[in-house]
């Protein structure tokens, strides 16, 4: 497993819970298992966005969604934004590099010491300082380089 600290965007978490998402569901579930064995930290923002998305879209009822968030909070370390992260996110937005919530996620991940953010919401390979964004959904299997980064057997 990778020695690098990484985090997962809420879209990965949503796909893991959405059995109707086909290949993305299978891949996201595989990512969650790998993440649990690695140095993965989840942002409180991603967990909150997960809860909102799955309950709003009717993927899970409120109790099931809350239970899932609590399970992940037990399984993974969590991190939240500081005032400095908020200021950095605002700078990213003003510079038109991201939207607000994406900028806050980037800033929080950086503060938590993450070098990798797995998400489909950014351009694959985009970098913010030492943080690299990778989209694990580039086909019906996890991208080979993402598998290598996470230490999956080839």
Protein backbone atom coordinates (compact mmCIF):
# COMPACT_ATOMS: atom_id res chain seq x y z
CA UNK A 1 0.00 0.00 0.00
CA UNK A 2 1.15 3.51 -0.69
CA UNK A 3 3.00 5.42 1.98
CA UNK A 4 1.48 8.61 0.61
CA UNK A 5 -1.45 10.15 2.43
CA UNK A 6 -4.50 10.57 0.24
CA UNK A 7 -8.15 11.49 0.38
CA UNK A 8 -11.35 10.72 -1.48
CA UNK A 9 -13.81 13.22 -2.87
CA UNK A 10 -17.49 12.79 -2.05
CA UNK A 11 -18.23 11.43 -5.54
CA UNK A 12 -16.17 8.31 -4.73
CA UNK A 13 -18.18 7.84 -1.54
CA UNK A 14 -21.49 8.32 -3.36
CA UNK A 15 -20.61 5.78 -6.04
CA UNK A 16 -19.59 3.29 -3.34
CA UNK A 17 -23.12 3.51 -1.90
CA UNK A 18 -24.98 3.58 -5.24
CA UNK A 19 -25.44 0.01 -6.43
CA UNK A 20 -27.05 1.34 -9.63
CA UNK A 21 -23.85 3.14 -10.66
CA UNK A 22 -22.52 0.07 -12.50
CA UNK A 23 -18.76 -0.04 -13.00
CA UNK A 24 -18.26 3.13 -10.97
CA UNK A 25 -19.98 1.47 -7.99
CA UNK A 26 -17.69 -1.55 -8.22
CA UNK A 27 -14.58 0.60 -8.62
CA UNK A 28 -15.54 2.96 -5.79
CA UNK A 29 -16.18 0.02 -3.45
CA UNK A 30 -12.75 -1.35 -4.40
CA UNK A 31 -11.22 2.05 -3.64
CA UNK A 32 -12.85 2.21 -0.20
CA UNK A 33 -11.40 -1.19 0.72
CA UNK A 34 -7.94 -0.11 -0.47
CA UNK A 35 -8.26 3.23 1.30
CA UNK A 36 -9.04 1.51 4.59
CA UNK A 37 -5.71 -0.33 4.35
CA UNK A 38 -3.78 2.81 3.40
CA UNK A 39 -3.06 6.25 4.77
CA UNK A 40 -6.41 7.74 3.80
CA UNK A 41 -8.03 10.64 5.60
CA UNK A 42 -11.57 11.79 4.78
CA UNK A 43 -12.58 15.42 4.95
CA UNK A 44 -15.63 16.33 6.97
CA UNK A 45 -16.71 18.20 3.83
CA UNK A 46 -16.69 15.01 1.71
CA UNK A 47 -18.60 13.11 4.37
CA UNK A 48 -21.16 15.93 4.60
CA UNK A 49 -21.52 16.14 0.82
CA UNK A 50 -21.98 12.35 0.71
CA UNK A 51 -24.82 12.52 3.23
CA UNK A 52 -26.50 15.38 1.38
CA UNK A 53 -26.17 13.76 -2.06
CA UNK A 54 -27.38 10.27 -1.19
CA UNK A 55 -30.35 11.48 0.85
CA UNK A 56 -31.34 14.17 -1.66
CA UNK A 57 -31.17 11.71 -4.57
CA UNK A 58 -32.97 8.97 -2.63
CA UNK A 59 -30.00 6.58 -2.80
CA UNK A 60 -30.12 5.99 0.97
CA UNK A 61 -32.57 6.96 3.67
CA UNK A 62 -31.32 9.35 6.36
CA UNK A 63 -30.58 6.68 8.94
CA UNK A 64 -28.64 4.47 6.53
CA UNK A 65 -26.68 7.47 5.25
CA UNK A 66 -25.92 8.67 8.78
CA UNK A 67 -24.83 5.17 9.81
CA UNK A 68 -22.53 4.99 6.78
CA UNK A 69 -20.93 8.34 7.61
CA UNK A 70 -20.40 7.26 11.22
CA UNK A 71 -18.86 3.96 10.06
CA UNK A 72 -16.43 5.83 7.80
CA UNK A 73 -15.60 8.25 10.63
CA UNK A 74 -14.62 5.22 12.71
CA UNK A 75 -12.67 3.54 9.91
CA UNK A 76 -10.78 6.60 8.62
CA UNK A 77 -9.11 9.59 10.13
CA UNK A 78 -10.99 12.80 9.42
CA UNK A 79 -9.96 16.38 8.83
CA UNK A 80 -11.72 19.71 8.62
CA UNK A 81 -10.76 23.09 7.22
CA UNK A 82 -8.93 25.70 9.25
CA UNK A 83 -9.09 29.45 8.81
CA UNK A 84 -5.92 29.23 6.70
CA UNK A 85 -7.55 26.60 4.47
CA UNK A 86 -10.57 28.84 4.00
CA UNK A 87 -8.33 31.76 3.05
CA UNK A 88 -6.42 29.58 0.57
CA UNK A 89 -9.69 28.31 -0.95
CA UNK A 90 -10.89 31.88 -1.38
CA UNK A 91 -7.63 32.75 -3.15
CA UNK A 92 -8.13 29.79 -5.52
CA UNK A 93 -11.66 30.94 -6.30
CA UNK A 94 -10.60 34.54 -6.90
CA UNK A 95 -7.83 33.29 -9.22
CA UNK A 96 -10.52 31.20 -11.01
CA UNK A 97 -8.64 27.95 -10.45
CA UNK A 98 -11.61 26.18 -8.78
CA UNK A 99 -15.10 26.58 -7.49
CA UNK A 100 -15.45 27.33 -3.79
CA UNK A 101 -16.21 23.83 -2.47
CA UNK A 102 -13.53 22.21 -4.64
CA UNK A 103 -11.04 24.82 -3.44
CA UNK A 104 -11.91 24.15 0.17
CA UNK A 105 -11.44 20.40 -0.37
CA UNK A 106 -8.04 21.01 -1.97
CA UNK A 107 -6.93 23.31 0.84
CA UNK A 108 -8.11 20.89 3.54
CA UNK A 109 -6.37 17.96 1.84
CA UNK A 110 -3.15 19.92 1.62
CA UNK A 111 -3.32 20.84 5.32
CA UNK A 112 -3.86 17.17 6.19
CA UNK A 113 -0.65 16.28 4.37
CA UNK A 114 -2.29 14.54 1.43
CA UNK A 115 -0.32 14.23 -1.78
CA UNK A 116 -3.23 12.67 -3.69
CA UNK A 117 -6.92 13.49 -4.06
CA UNK A 118 -9.06 10.97 -5.92
CA UNK A 119 -11.95 12.72 -7.66
CA UNK A 120 -13.73 12.90 -10.96
CA UNK A 121 -14.56 16.58 -10.46
CA UNK A 122 -11.19 18.02 -11.47
CA UNK A 123 -8.99 17.70 -14.52
CA UNK A 124 -7.03 14.46 -14.16
CA UNK A 125 -3.44 15.21 -13.22
CA UNK A 126 -4.17 18.75 -12.01
CA UNK A 127 -1.74 19.87 -9.32
CA UNK A 128 -2.04 22.26 -6.43
CA UNK A 129 1.40 22.48 -4.84
CA UNK A 130 2.27 18.95 -3.69
CA UNK A 131 -1.33 17.73 -4.10
CA UNK A 132 -2.16 15.86 -7.32
CA UNK A 133 -5.73 15.16 -8.44
CA UNK A 134 -6.37 11.81 -10.09
CA UNK A 135 -9.60 10.59 -11.65
CA UNK A 136 -9.84 6.86 -10.91
CA UNK A 137 -12.76 6.44 -13.35
CA UNK A 138 -11.09 6.42 -16.73
CA UNK A 139 -12.76 3.26 -18.03
CA UNK A 140 -14.29 0.12 -16.56
CA UNK A 141 -11.25 -0.63 -14.41
CA UNK A 142 -9.20 1.52 -12.10
CA UNK A 143 -6.53 3.38 -14.02
CA UNK A 144 -3.26 1.43 -13.89
CA UNK A 145 -1.28 4.31 -12.40
CA UNK A 146 -3.92 4.84 -9.72
CA UNK A 147 -3.74 1.11 -8.92
CA UNK A 148 0.04 1.42 -8.61
CA UNK A 149 -0.19 4.50 -6.39
CA UNK A 150 -2.60 2.63 -4.09
CA UNK A 151 -0.46 -0.51 -4.14
CA UNK A 152 -3.00 -2.80 -5.82
CA UNK A 153 -1.66 -6.05 -7.22
CA UNK A 154 -1.26 -5.81 -10.98
